[in-house]
Amino acid sequence: MSGKLIVFEGIDGAGKSTQLSMLYQYLQQRGYNLMTTREPGGTPVGEEVRSILLNPLHGDLQHRAEAFLYAAARSQLVYQVIKPALREGKIVLCDRFVDSTMAYQGYGRGISRNFLQQINDLATGGLQADLVLVFDLPVEESFKRVNKRSTGDRLEQETHSFFQRVREGYLEIARQQCHNHLVMDASLSVEELQRQVRTVVDNFIDGKLRESD
């Protein structure tokens, strides 16, 4: 089996990181060759960039500079971690990828999506996810969950209207790229949502195995 990139997306508080971790354990028990990573981050350089991007003290970070920093961290991750893992035939579970930039900086910030596509094509060398799970949650519920766990990083402190635009962006992206995107109802219980995630991923992997026969 060739390597596959499965990406978990969604607004803050949607539970994607929890679902990714649970899926990793499930697939590991089934004997798959796996790795997990996250954005921004996943490499020493990327983690340093992450600390800048999420630091509330950097509230004056210019929007295009923000987009370039995300792209820089992504490029490091793709070439240092993701592409080598895919060449080794691994299933890579990634917490956020290109869609986060399109949703947050494109729909949320209002930056030209053509511009964002260009810098991300450069950053990734055109690498695309094989499957994207978009965890959808009403913004009000997102705020409740985030406020319970922390005071919020730089992005988590954004306004309700910002996150509403981000949410709508994710849903629009999923509609436009329905061939490899699937929207998951993140308001479900953790257990029920994981059951659905496992079903989707099992079907995806089984389908890819049949294609390679």
N, C-alpha and C. Protein backbone atom coordinates (compact mmCIF):
# COMPACT_ATOMS: atom_id res chain seq x y z
N MET A 1 0.84 -1.20 0.00
CA MET A 1 0.00 0.00 0.00
C MET A 1 0.88 1.25 0.00
N SER A 2 0.59 2.16 -0.91
CA SER A 2 1.33 3.42 -0.93
C SER A 2 0.87 4.30 0.21
N GLY A 3 1.71 5.27 0.59
CA GLY A 3 1.35 6.16 1.69
C GLY A 3 0.14 7.01 1.38
N LYS A 4 -0.59 7.37 2.43
CA LYS A 4 -1.78 8.20 2.28
C LYS A 4 -1.76 9.30 3.34
N LEU A 5 -2.23 10.48 2.94
CA LEU A 5 -2.30 11.63 3.85
C LEU A 5 -3.75 11.89 4.21
N ILE A 6 -4.06 11.72 5.48
CA ILE A 6 -5.40 11.97 6.00
C ILE A 6 -5.33 13.18 6.93
N VAL A 7 -6.13 14.20 6.64
CA VAL A 7 -6.05 15.47 7.36
C VAL A 7 -7.32 15.69 8.18
N PHE A 8 -7.13 16.22 9.39
CA PHE A 8 -8.23 16.56 10.29
C PHE A 8 -8.32 18.08 10.36
N GLU A 9 -9.49 18.63 10.00
CA GLU A 9 -9.69 20.07 9.96
C GLU A 9 -10.91 20.49 10.78
N GLY A 10 -10.99 21.78 11.07
CA GLY A 10 -12.16 22.31 11.77
C GLY A 10 -11.79 23.50 12.64
N ILE A 11 -12.82 24.23 13.06
CA ILE A 11 -12.57 25.38 13.91
C ILE A 11 -12.10 24.93 15.29
N ASP A 12 -11.55 25.84 16.04
CA ASP A 12 -11.03 25.54 17.37
C ASP A 12 -12.15 24.97 18.24
N GLY A 13 -11.81 23.94 19.00
CA GLY A 13 -12.78 23.35 19.90
C GLY A 13 -13.63 22.25 19.29
N ALA A 14 -13.42 21.94 18.01
CA ALA A 14 -14.24 20.93 17.34
C ALA A 14 -13.86 19.50 17.72
N GLY A 15 -12.74 19.31 18.39
CA GLY A 15 -12.36 17.99 18.87
C GLY A 15 -11.56 17.17 17.88
N LYS A 16 -11.02 17.81 16.84
CA LYS A 16 -10.29 17.07 15.81
C LYS A 16 -9.04 16.40 16.37
N SER A 17 -8.33 17.06 17.27
CA SER A 17 -7.10 16.48 17.82
C SER A 17 -7.40 15.22 18.64
N THR A 18 -8.49 15.25 19.40
CA THR A 18 -8.90 14.07 20.16
C THR A 18 -9.27 12.93 19.23
N GLN A 19 -10.01 13.25 18.18
CA GLN A 19 -10.42 12.22 17.23
C GLN A 19 -9.22 11.64 16.49
N LEU A 20 -8.25 12.47 16.16
CA LEU A 20 -7.04 11.99 15.49
C LEU A 20 -6.28 11.01 16.39
N SER A 21 -6.14 11.38 17.65
CA SER A 21 -5.42 10.52 18.59
C SER A 21 -6.11 9.17 18.76
N MET A 22 -7.44 9.18 18.85
CA MET A 22 -8.20 7.94 19.01
C MET A 22 -8.09 7.08 17.75
N LEU A 23 -8.14 7.72 16.59
CA LEU A 23 -8.03 6.97 15.34
C LEU A 23 -6.63 6.36 15.20
N TYR A 24 -5.63 7.10 15.62
CA TYR A 24 -4.26 6.58 15.56
C TYR A 24 -4.14 5.28 16.37
N GLN A 25 -4.68 5.28 17.57
CA GLN A 25 -4.62 4.09 18.41
C GLN A 25 -5.36 2.93 17.75
N TYR A 26 -6.50 3.22 17.16
CA TYR A 26 -7.31 2.19 16.50
C TYR A 26 -6.56 1.59 15.31
N LEU A 27 -6.01 2.44 14.45
CA LEU A 27 -5.31 1.95 13.26
C LEU A 27 -4.01 1.24 13.64
N GLN A 28 -3.37 1.71 14.70
CA GLN A 28 -2.15 1.08 15.18
C GLN A 28 -2.44 -0.36 15.61
N GLN A 29 -3.57 -0.55 16.30
CA GLN A 29 -3.97 -1.89 16.73
C GLN A 29 -4.26 -2.81 15.55
N ARG A 30 -4.64 -2.20 14.43
CA ARG A 30 -4.92 -2.99 13.22
C ARG A 30 -3.65 -3.26 12.42
N GLY A 31 -2.53 -2.76 12.89
CA GLY A 31 -1.26 -3.11 12.28
C GLY A 31 -0.78 -2.21 11.16
N TYR A 32 -1.40 -1.04 10.99
CA TYR A 32 -0.97 -0.14 9.93
C TYR A 32 0.30 0.62 10.32
N ASN A 33 1.06 0.98 9.30
CA ASN A 33 2.27 1.77 9.48
C ASN A 33 1.86 3.24 9.48
N LEU A 34 1.98 3.89 10.63
CA LEU A 34 1.39 5.22 10.83
C LEU A 34 2.39 6.24 11.33
N MET A 35 2.00 7.49 11.17
CA MET A 35 2.64 8.58 11.90
C MET A 35 1.62 9.71 12.04
N THR A 36 1.78 10.52 13.07
CA THR A 36 0.93 11.68 13.27
C THR A 36 1.80 12.94 13.29
N THR A 37 1.19 14.04 12.89
CA THR A 37 1.88 15.32 12.96
C THR A 37 0.84 16.42 13.06
N ARG A 38 1.31 17.66 13.18
CA ARG A 38 0.36 18.76 13.34
C ARG A 38 0.88 20.02 12.67
N GLU A 39 -0.06 20.93 12.43
CA GLU A 39 0.28 22.25 11.90
C GLU A 39 -0.32 23.34 12.77
N PRO A 40 0.37 24.48 12.86
CA PRO A 40 1.78 24.61 12.54
C PRO A 40 2.61 23.82 13.54
N GLY A 41 3.72 23.30 13.08
CA GLY A 41 4.58 22.52 13.97
C GLY A 41 5.05 21.26 13.28
N GLY A 42 5.28 20.22 14.06
CA GLY A 42 5.68 18.93 13.52
C GLY A 42 7.16 18.79 13.23
N THR A 43 7.90 19.89 13.27
CA THR A 43 9.36 19.89 13.12
C THR A 43 9.91 20.91 14.12
N PRO A 44 11.20 20.84 14.44
CA PRO A 44 11.76 21.86 15.34
C PRO A 44 11.54 23.28 14.83
N VAL A 45 11.76 23.49 13.53
CA VAL A 45 11.53 24.82 12.96
C VAL A 45 10.05 25.19 13.05
N GLY A 46 9.19 24.24 12.68
CA GLY A 46 7.76 24.49 12.70
C GLY A 46 7.22 24.81 14.09
N GLU A 47 7.78 24.15 15.10
CA GLU A 47 7.34 24.42 16.47
C GLU A 47 7.74 25.82 16.92
N GLU A 48 8.90 26.27 16.46
CA GLU A 48 9.31 27.65 16.77
C GLU A 48 8.35 28.64 16.11
N VAL A 49 8.00 28.38 14.85
CA VAL A 49 7.05 29.25 14.15
C VAL A 49 5.69 29.21 14.85
N ARG A 50 5.28 28.04 15.30
CA ARG A 50 4.01 27.89 16.01
C ARG A 50 3.96 28.80 17.24
N SER A 51 5.07 28.84 17.96
CA SER A 51 5.10 29.66 19.18
C SER A 51 4.90 31.14 18.87
N ILE A 52 5.38 31.57 17.71
CA ILE A 52 5.17 32.96 17.28
C ILE A 52 3.71 33.18 16.89
N LEU A 53 3.19 32.27 16.08
CA LEU A 53 1.84 32.43 15.54
C LEU A 53 0.75 32.42 16.61
N LEU A 54 0.93 31.60 17.64
CA LEU A 54 -0.13 31.45 18.63
C LEU A 54 0.07 32.32 19.88
N ASN A 55 1.17 33.03 19.95
CA ASN A 55 1.45 33.87 21.12
C ASN A 55 0.53 35.09 21.13
N PRO A 56 -0.30 35.25 22.18
CA PRO A 56 -1.21 36.40 22.24
C PRO A 56 -0.50 37.75 22.23
N LEU A 57 0.79 37.76 22.56
CA LEU A 57 1.54 39.01 22.56
C LEU A 57 1.77 39.55 21.14
N HIS A 58 1.55 38.70 20.14
CA HIS A 58 1.76 39.11 18.75
C HIS A 58 0.44 39.47 18.07
N GLY A 59 -0.37 40.21 18.78
CA GLY A 59 -1.67 40.60 18.23
C GLY A 59 -1.57 41.53 17.04
N ASP A 60 -0.41 42.16 16.85
CA ASP A 60 -0.24 43.08 15.73
C ASP A 60 0.36 42.41 14.51
N LEU A 61 0.42 41.08 14.50
CA LEU A 61 0.98 40.35 13.37
C LEU A 61 0.17 40.64 12.10
N GLN A 62 0.86 41.15 11.10
CA GLN A 62 0.19 41.51 9.85
C GLN A 62 -0.35 40.25 9.16
N HIS A 63 -1.52 40.37 8.54
CA HIS A 63 -2.22 39.20 8.03
C HIS A 63 -1.43 38.44 6.98
N ARG A 64 -0.78 39.15 6.06
CA ARG A 64 0.00 38.44 5.06
C ARG A 64 1.25 37.81 5.68
N ALA A 65 1.84 38.50 6.65
CA ALA A 65 2.98 37.91 7.35
C ALA A 65 2.55 36.63 8.05
N GLU A 66 1.38 36.64 8.62
CA GLU A 66 0.82 35.44 9.26
C GLU A 66 0.72 34.30 8.25
N ALA A 67 0.18 34.60 7.07
CA ALA A 67 0.03 33.58 6.04
C ALA A 67 1.38 33.02 5.60
N PHE A 68 2.37 33.89 5.46
CA PHE A 68 3.71 33.44 5.07
C PHE A 68 4.33 32.55 6.14
N LEU A 69 4.11 32.87 7.40
CA LEU A 69 4.65 32.05 8.48
C LEU A 69 4.02 30.66 8.48
N TYR A 70 2.71 30.59 8.29
CA TYR A 70 2.07 29.28 8.19
C TYR A 70 2.64 28.49 7.02
N ALA A 71 2.82 29.16 5.88
CA ALA A 71 3.35 28.47 4.70
C ALA A 71 4.78 27.99 4.94
N ALA A 72 5.58 28.79 5.65
CA ALA A 72 6.96 28.40 5.94
C ALA A 72 7.00 27.14 6.81
N ALA A 73 6.19 27.14 7.86
CA ALA A 73 6.13 25.96 8.74
C ALA A 73 5.64 24.75 7.97
N ARG A 74 4.66 24.97 7.08
CA ARG A 74 4.11 23.87 6.28
C ARG A 74 5.16 23.30 5.33
N SER A 75 5.92 24.15 4.69
CA SER A 75 6.95 23.68 3.77
C SER A 75 7.97 22.81 4.49
N GLN A 76 8.39 23.25 5.66
CA GLN A 76 9.35 22.47 6.45
C GLN A 76 8.77 21.10 6.80
N LEU A 77 7.50 21.09 7.20
CA LEU A 77 6.84 19.85 7.59
C LEU A 77 6.70 18.89 6.41
N VAL A 78 6.29 19.43 5.26
CA VAL A 78 6.07 18.59 4.08
C VAL A 78 7.36 17.91 3.65
N TYR A 79 8.43 18.69 3.54
CA TYR A 79 9.66 18.14 2.98
C TYR A 79 10.50 17.37 4.00
N GLN A 80 10.37 17.72 5.27
CA GLN A 80 11.16 17.03 6.29
C GLN A 80 10.45 15.79 6.84
N VAL A 81 9.11 15.83 6.89
CA VAL A 81 8.37 14.77 7.57
C VAL A 81 7.36 14.06 6.67
N ILE A 82 6.42 14.80 6.08
CA ILE A 82 5.29 14.15 5.42
C ILE A 82 5.71 13.39 4.16
N LYS A 83 6.43 14.04 3.25
CA LYS A 83 6.80 13.34 2.02
C LYS A 83 7.69 12.12 2.26
N PRO A 84 8.68 12.19 3.16
CA PRO A 84 9.45 10.98 3.45
C PRO A 84 8.57 9.85 4.00
N ALA A 85 7.61 10.21 4.86
CA ALA A 85 6.72 9.19 5.43
C ALA A 85 5.85 8.56 4.35
N LEU A 86 5.34 9.37 3.43
CA LEU A 86 4.52 8.84 2.35
C LEU A 86 5.33 7.93 1.44
N ARG A 87 6.59 8.28 1.20
CA ARG A 87 7.45 7.43 0.36
C ARG A 87 7.69 6.08 1.03
N GLU A 88 7.65 6.07 2.36
CA GLU A 88 7.82 4.82 3.11
C GLU A 88 6.53 4.02 3.20
N GLY A 89 5.45 4.54 2.61
CA GLY A 89 4.18 3.83 2.62
C GLY A 89 3.34 4.03 3.86
N LYS A 90 3.66 5.03 4.65
CA LYS A 90 2.93 5.25 5.89
C LYS A 90 1.61 5.99 5.65
N ILE A 91 0.66 5.76 6.55
CA ILE A 91 -0.54 6.58 6.62
C ILE A 91 -0.22 7.73 7.56
N VAL A 92 -0.28 8.94 7.04
CA VAL A 92 0.04 10.12 7.83
C VAL A 92 -1.26 10.79 8.26
N LEU A 93 -1.43 10.93 9.57
CA LEU A 93 -2.58 11.64 10.13
C LEU A 93 -2.10 13.02 10.53
N CYS A 94 -2.63 14.05 9.87
CA CYS A 94 -2.14 15.41 10.09
C CYS A 94 -3.23 16.29 10.67
N ASP A 95 -2.93 16.92 11.79
CA ASP A 95 -3.84 17.85 12.46
C ASP A 95 -3.66 19.22 11.81
N ARG A 96 -4.52 19.53 10.84
CA ARG A 96 -4.53 20.73 10.02
C ARG A 96 -3.55 20.63 8.84
N PHE A 97 -3.95 21.29 7.74
CA PHE A 97 -3.10 21.36 6.56
C PHE A 97 -3.52 22.59 5.76
N VAL A 98 -3.48 22.51 4.45
CA VAL A 98 -3.72 23.69 3.61
C VAL A 98 -5.09 24.32 3.85
N ASP A 99 -6.11 23.51 4.09
CA ASP A 99 -7.46 24.06 4.27
C ASP A 99 -7.54 25.04 5.44
N SER A 100 -6.70 24.83 6.45
CA SER A 100 -6.71 25.77 7.57
C SER A 100 -6.33 27.17 7.12
N THR A 101 -5.33 27.26 6.26
CA THR A 101 -4.94 28.57 5.74
C THR A 101 -6.06 29.18 4.91
N MET A 102 -6.68 28.37 4.06
CA MET A 102 -7.77 28.89 3.23
C MET A 102 -8.95 29.35 4.08
N ALA A 103 -9.26 28.60 5.13
CA ALA A 103 -10.40 28.95 5.98
C ALA A 103 -10.10 30.13 6.89
N TYR A 104 -8.95 30.10 7.58
CA TYR A 104 -8.63 31.13 8.56
C TYR A 104 -8.12 32.42 7.91
N GLN A 105 -7.13 32.28 7.04
CA GLN A 105 -6.58 33.50 6.44
C GLN A 105 -7.39 33.96 5.22
N GLY A 106 -7.99 33.01 4.49
CA GLY A 106 -8.79 33.37 3.33
C GLY A 106 -10.17 33.86 3.71
N TYR A 107 -11.00 32.97 4.23
CA TYR A 107 -12.36 33.33 4.60
C TYR A 107 -12.40 34.20 5.86
N GLY A 108 -11.56 33.85 6.84
CA GLY A 108 -11.57 34.59 8.09
C GLY A 108 -10.97 35.98 7.99
N ARG A 109 -9.75 36.06 7.43
CA ARG A 109 -9.04 37.35 7.32
C ARG A 109 -9.42 38.13 6.07
N GLY A 110 -9.91 37.44 5.05
CA GLY A 110 -10.25 38.12 3.82
C GLY A 110 -9.10 38.27 2.85
N ILE A 111 -8.01 37.52 3.06
CA ILE A 111 -6.88 37.54 2.13
C ILE A 111 -7.29 36.81 0.85
N SER A 112 -6.79 37.30 -0.28
CA SER A 112 -7.09 36.68 -1.56
C SER A 112 -6.80 35.19 -1.53
N ARG A 113 -7.80 34.38 -1.87
CA ARG A 113 -7.60 32.94 -1.86
C ARG A 113 -6.69 32.49 -3.00
N ASN A 114 -6.66 33.23 -4.08
CA ASN A 114 -5.71 32.93 -5.15
C ASN A 114 -4.27 33.10 -4.68
N PHE A 115 -4.04 34.19 -3.93
CA PHE A 115 -2.72 34.44 -3.36
C PHE A 115 -2.33 33.32 -2.40
N LEU A 116 -3.27 32.92 -1.55
CA LEU A 116 -2.99 31.85 -0.59
C LEU A 116 -2.73 30.53 -1.29
N GLN A 117 -3.46 30.26 -2.36
CA GLN A 117 -3.24 29.03 -3.10
C GLN A 117 -1.84 29.00 -3.70
N GLN A 118 -1.39 30.15 -4.19
CA GLN A 118 -0.07 30.23 -4.79
C GLN A 118 1.04 29.93 -3.79
N ILE A 119 0.98 30.57 -2.61
CA ILE A 119 2.05 30.35 -1.64
C ILE A 119 1.99 28.95 -1.06
N ASN A 120 0.80 28.37 -0.99
CA ASN A 120 0.70 27.01 -0.47
C ASN A 120 1.13 25.98 -1.49
N ASP A 121 0.90 26.26 -2.77
CA ASP A 121 1.43 25.36 -3.80
C ASP A 121 2.95 25.34 -3.75
N LEU A 122 3.54 26.51 -3.52
CA LEU A 122 4.99 26.59 -3.39
C LEU A 122 5.46 25.84 -2.14
N ALA A 123 4.72 26.00 -1.04
CA ALA A 123 5.12 25.40 0.23
C ALA A 123 5.03 23.87 0.20
N THR A 124 4.03 23.35 -0.50
CA THR A 124 3.79 21.90 -0.47
C THR A 124 4.30 21.18 -1.71
N GLY A 125 4.71 21.93 -2.73
CA GLY A 125 5.07 21.29 -3.98
C GLY A 125 3.88 20.63 -4.65
N GLY A 126 2.69 21.12 -4.33
CA GLY A 126 1.47 20.57 -4.92
C GLY A 126 0.90 19.37 -4.19
N LEU A 127 1.48 18.99 -3.08
CA LEU A 127 0.97 17.85 -2.32
C LEU A 127 -0.45 18.12 -1.83
N GLN A 128 -1.34 17.16 -2.04
CA GLN A 128 -2.72 17.28 -1.59
C GLN A 128 -3.07 16.10 -0.69
N ALA A 129 -4.01 16.34 0.20
CA ALA A 129 -4.48 15.28 1.09
C ALA A 129 -5.31 14.27 0.30
N ASP A 130 -5.21 13.01 0.69
CA ASP A 130 -6.04 11.98 0.07
C ASP A 130 -7.44 11.98 0.66
N LEU A 131 -7.54 12.32 1.94
CA LEU A 131 -8.83 12.39 2.61
C LEU A 131 -8.78 13.51 3.64
N VAL A 132 -9.82 14.35 3.66
CA VAL A 132 -9.91 15.45 4.63
C VAL A 132 -11.21 15.30 5.40
N LEU A 133 -11.12 15.19 6.71
CA LEU A 133 -12.29 15.14 7.58
C LEU A 133 -12.45 16.52 8.21
N VAL A 134 -13.57 17.17 7.92
CA VAL A 134 -13.85 18.51 8.43
C VAL A 134 -14.82 18.38 9.60
N PHE A 135 -14.35 18.71 10.79
CA PHE A 135 -15.17 18.59 11.99
C PHE A 135 -15.92 19.91 12.19
N ASP A 136 -17.23 19.84 11.96
CA ASP A 136 -18.06 21.04 11.96
C ASP A 136 -18.78 21.20 13.29
N LEU A 137 -18.75 22.43 13.81
CA LEU A 137 -19.35 22.73 15.11
C LEU A 137 -19.85 24.17 15.11
N PRO A 138 -21.05 24.43 15.65
CA PRO A 138 -21.50 25.82 15.77
C PRO A 138 -20.51 26.64 16.57
N VAL A 139 -20.34 27.88 16.19
CA VAL A 139 -19.33 28.74 16.82
C VAL A 139 -19.61 28.91 18.31
N GLU A 140 -20.88 29.01 18.69
CA GLU A 140 -21.22 29.18 20.11
C GLU A 140 -20.67 28.01 20.94
N GLU A 141 -20.83 26.81 20.42
CA GLU A 141 -20.33 25.64 21.13
C GLU A 141 -18.80 25.61 21.13
N SER A 142 -18.21 26.05 20.03
CA SER A 142 -16.75 26.15 19.97
C SER A 142 -16.22 27.05 21.08
N PHE A 143 -16.85 28.21 21.24
CA PHE A 143 -16.41 29.15 22.28
C PHE A 143 -16.52 28.53 23.67
N LYS A 144 -17.60 27.80 23.92
CA LYS A 144 -17.79 27.17 25.23
C LYS A 144 -16.67 26.19 25.52
N ARG A 145 -16.34 25.38 24.53
CA ARG A 145 -15.30 24.37 24.72
C ARG A 145 -13.93 24.99 24.92
N VAL A 146 -13.60 25.98 24.11
CA VAL A 146 -12.29 26.62 24.20
C VAL A 146 -12.13 27.34 25.54
N ASN A 147 -13.18 28.02 25.99
CA ASN A 147 -13.11 28.76 27.24
C ASN A 147 -12.95 27.84 28.44
N LYS A 148 -13.41 26.60 28.33
CA LYS A 148 -13.28 25.65 29.42
C LYS A 148 -11.84 25.18 29.60
N ARG A 149 -11.09 25.13 28.48
CA ARG A 149 -9.76 24.52 28.55
C ARG A 149 -8.63 25.52 28.72
N SER A 150 -8.84 26.81 28.33
CA SER A 150 -7.73 27.76 28.42
C SER A 150 -8.26 29.18 28.27
N THR A 151 -7.34 30.13 28.45
CA THR A 151 -7.68 31.53 28.22
C THR A 151 -7.62 31.88 26.75
N GLY A 152 -7.11 30.96 25.94
CA GLY A 152 -7.10 31.15 24.50
C GLY A 152 -5.77 31.67 23.97
N ASP A 153 -5.30 31.05 22.87
CA ASP A 153 -4.10 31.56 22.21
C ASP A 153 -4.49 32.73 21.31
N ARG A 154 -3.55 33.21 20.52
CA ARG A 154 -3.81 34.41 19.71
C ARG A 154 -5.01 34.24 18.78
N LEU A 155 -5.13 33.09 18.17
CA LEU A 155 -6.25 32.86 17.26
C LEU A 155 -7.55 32.57 18.01
N GLU A 156 -7.44 31.83 19.10
CA GLU A 156 -8.64 31.50 19.87
C GLU A 156 -9.29 32.74 20.47
N GLN A 157 -8.56 33.84 20.56
CA GLN A 157 -9.11 35.08 21.10
C GLN A 157 -9.82 35.92 20.05
N GLU A 158 -9.92 35.41 18.81
CA GLU A 158 -10.63 36.14 17.76
C GLU A 158 -12.12 36.22 18.04
N THR A 159 -12.83 37.03 17.26
CA THR A 159 -14.24 37.32 17.49
C THR A 159 -15.15 36.22 16.97
N HIS A 160 -16.40 36.28 17.42
CA HIS A 160 -17.41 35.34 16.97
C HIS A 160 -17.59 35.44 15.46
N SER A 161 -17.63 36.64 14.93
CA SER A 161 -17.84 36.82 13.48
C SER A 161 -16.68 36.23 12.68
N PHE A 162 -15.46 36.34 13.21
CA PHE A 162 -14.30 35.75 12.55
C PHE A 162 -14.47 34.24 12.43
N PHE A 163 -14.80 33.60 13.54
CA PHE A 163 -14.95 32.15 13.51
C PHE A 163 -16.16 31.70 12.70
N GLN A 164 -17.17 32.54 12.63
CA GLN A 164 -18.31 32.20 11.78
C GLN A 164 -17.88 32.18 10.32
N ARG A 165 -17.06 33.14 9.92
CA ARG A 165 -16.54 33.15 8.55
C ARG A 165 -15.65 31.94 8.30
N VAL A 166 -14.84 31.58 9.29
CA VAL A 166 -13.97 30.42 9.16
C VAL A 166 -14.81 29.15 9.00
N ARG A 167 -15.83 29.01 9.82
CA ARG A 167 -16.69 27.83 9.72
C ARG A 167 -17.34 27.75 8.35
N GLU A 168 -17.89 28.86 7.89
CA GLU A 168 -18.52 28.87 6.58
C GLU A 168 -17.50 28.57 5.48
N GLY A 169 -16.26 29.02 5.69
CA GLY A 169 -15.21 28.72 4.73
C GLY A 169 -14.93 27.24 4.63
N TYR A 170 -14.83 26.59 5.78
CA TYR A 170 -14.61 25.14 5.78
C TYR A 170 -15.73 24.41 5.03
N LEU A 171 -16.96 24.81 5.29
CA LEU A 171 -18.09 24.14 4.65
C LEU A 171 -18.09 24.38 3.15
N GLU A 172 -17.70 25.58 2.74
CA GLU A 172 -17.63 25.88 1.31
C GLU A 172 -16.51 25.07 0.65
N ILE A 173 -15.37 24.98 1.30
CA ILE A 173 -14.26 24.18 0.77
C ILE A 173 -14.69 22.72 0.61
N ALA A 174 -15.39 22.20 1.62
CA ALA A 174 -15.85 20.81 1.57
C ALA A 174 -16.83 20.60 0.42
N ARG A 175 -17.68 21.58 0.17
CA ARG A 175 -18.63 21.46 -0.95
C ARG A 175 -17.89 21.49 -2.29
N GLN A 176 -16.89 22.35 -2.39
CA GLN A 176 -16.16 22.47 -3.64
C GLN A 176 -15.24 21.28 -3.91
N GLN A 177 -14.80 20.61 -2.85
CA GLN A 177 -13.87 19.50 -3.00
C GLN A 177 -14.45 18.22 -2.39
N CYS A 178 -15.68 17.95 -2.77
CA CYS A 178 -16.40 16.82 -2.17
C CYS A 178 -15.79 15.47 -2.54
N HIS A 179 -14.90 15.44 -3.53
CA HIS A 179 -14.27 14.18 -3.92
C HIS A 179 -13.36 13.61 -2.84
N ASN A 180 -12.81 14.49 -1.98
CA ASN A 180 -11.92 13.97 -0.92
C ASN A 180 -12.17 14.62 0.44
N HIS A 181 -13.25 15.41 0.55
CA HIS A 181 -13.61 16.04 1.82
C HIS A 181 -14.92 15.46 2.35
N LEU A 182 -14.98 15.30 3.65
CA LEU A 182 -16.21 14.83 4.30
C LEU A 182 -16.43 15.62 5.58
N VAL A 183 -17.63 16.17 5.73
CA VAL A 183 -17.97 16.94 6.92
C VAL A 183 -18.49 16.01 8.01
N MET A 184 -17.92 16.12 9.20
CA MET A 184 -18.33 15.32 10.35
C MET A 184 -19.02 16.21 11.37
N ASP A 185 -20.07 15.70 11.99
CA ASP A 185 -20.83 16.45 12.99
C ASP A 185 -20.10 16.41 14.33
N ALA A 186 -19.37 17.48 14.65
CA ALA A 186 -18.56 17.51 15.86
C ALA A 186 -19.37 17.75 17.12
N SER A 187 -20.69 17.94 16.99
CA SER A 187 -21.53 18.09 18.18
C SER A 187 -21.92 16.74 18.77
N LEU A 188 -21.62 15.66 18.07
CA LEU A 188 -21.90 14.32 18.59
C LEU A 188 -20.99 14.00 19.77
N SER A 189 -21.33 12.95 20.49
CA SER A 189 -20.46 12.52 21.58
C SER A 189 -19.12 12.08 21.01
N VAL A 190 -18.09 12.13 21.83
CA VAL A 190 -16.75 11.73 21.39
C VAL A 190 -16.77 10.30 20.86
N GLU A 191 -17.49 9.43 21.55
CA GLU A 191 -17.51 8.01 21.17
C GLU A 191 -18.24 7.79 19.85
N GLU A 192 -19.40 8.44 19.68
CA GLU A 192 -20.16 8.27 18.44
C GLU A 192 -19.41 8.87 17.26
N LEU A 193 -18.80 10.02 17.49
CA LEU A 193 -18.04 10.65 16.41
C LEU A 193 -16.86 9.76 16.01
N GLN A 194 -16.18 9.16 16.98
CA GLN A 194 -15.07 8.29 16.65
C GLN A 194 -15.55 7.05 15.89
N ARG A 195 -16.71 6.54 16.24
CA ARG A 195 -17.25 5.40 15.50
C ARG A 195 -17.43 5.76 14.03
N GLN A 196 -17.97 6.96 13.79
CA GLN A 196 -18.17 7.39 12.41
C GLN A 196 -16.84 7.63 11.69
N VAL A 197 -15.89 8.20 12.40
CA VAL A 197 -14.57 8.44 11.82
C VAL A 197 -13.93 7.12 11.41
N ARG A 198 -14.01 6.13 12.29
CA ARG A 198 -13.41 4.84 11.99
C ARG A 198 -14.06 4.20 10.76
N THR A 199 -15.38 4.32 10.67
CA THR A 199 -16.09 3.76 9.51
C THR A 199 -15.63 4.41 8.22
N VAL A 200 -15.54 5.75 8.24
CA VAL A 200 -15.10 6.48 7.05
C VAL A 200 -13.69 6.08 6.65
N VAL A 201 -12.79 6.05 7.61
CA VAL A 201 -11.40 5.75 7.31
C VAL A 201 -11.22 4.29 6.90
N ASP A 202 -11.92 3.38 7.56
CA ASP A 202 -11.86 1.97 7.16
C ASP A 202 -12.29 1.81 5.70
N ASN A 203 -13.40 2.45 5.33
CA ASN A 203 -13.90 2.36 3.96
C ASN A 203 -12.91 2.97 2.98
N PHE A 204 -12.30 4.08 3.38
CA PHE A 204 -11.31 4.74 2.53
C PHE A 204 -10.11 3.83 2.30
N ILE A 205 -9.57 3.28 3.38
CA ILE A 205 -8.39 2.42 3.26
C ILE A 205 -8.72 1.17 2.46
N ASP A 206 -9.86 0.54 2.74
CA ASP A 206 -10.24 -0.67 2.01
C ASP A 206 -10.41 -0.37 0.53
N GLY A 207 -10.99 0.78 0.22
CA GLY A 207 -11.17 1.16 -1.17
C GLY A 207 -9.84 1.36 -1.87
N LYS A 208 -8.89 1.99 -1.20
CA LYS A 208 -7.58 2.22 -1.79
C LYS A 208 -6.83 0.90 -1.98
N LEU A 209 -7.03 -0.04 -1.06
CA LEU A 209 -6.38 -1.33 -1.21
C LEU A 209 -6.93 -2.08 -2.42
N ARG A 210 -8.27 -2.00 -2.61
CA ARG A 210 -8.87 -2.67 -3.78
C ARG A 210 -8.35 -2.05 -5.08
N GLU A 211 -8.18 -0.72 -5.08
CA GLU A 211 -7.70 -0.04 -6.29
C GLU A 211 -6.30 -0.51 -6.66
N SER A 212 -5.49 -0.85 -5.65
CA SER A 212 -4.10 -1.23 -5.91
C SER A 212 -3.94 -2.71 -6.26
N ASP A 213 -5.03 -3.49 -6.13
CA ASP A 213 -4.95 -4.92 -6.45
C ASP A 213 -4.76 -5.15 -7.96
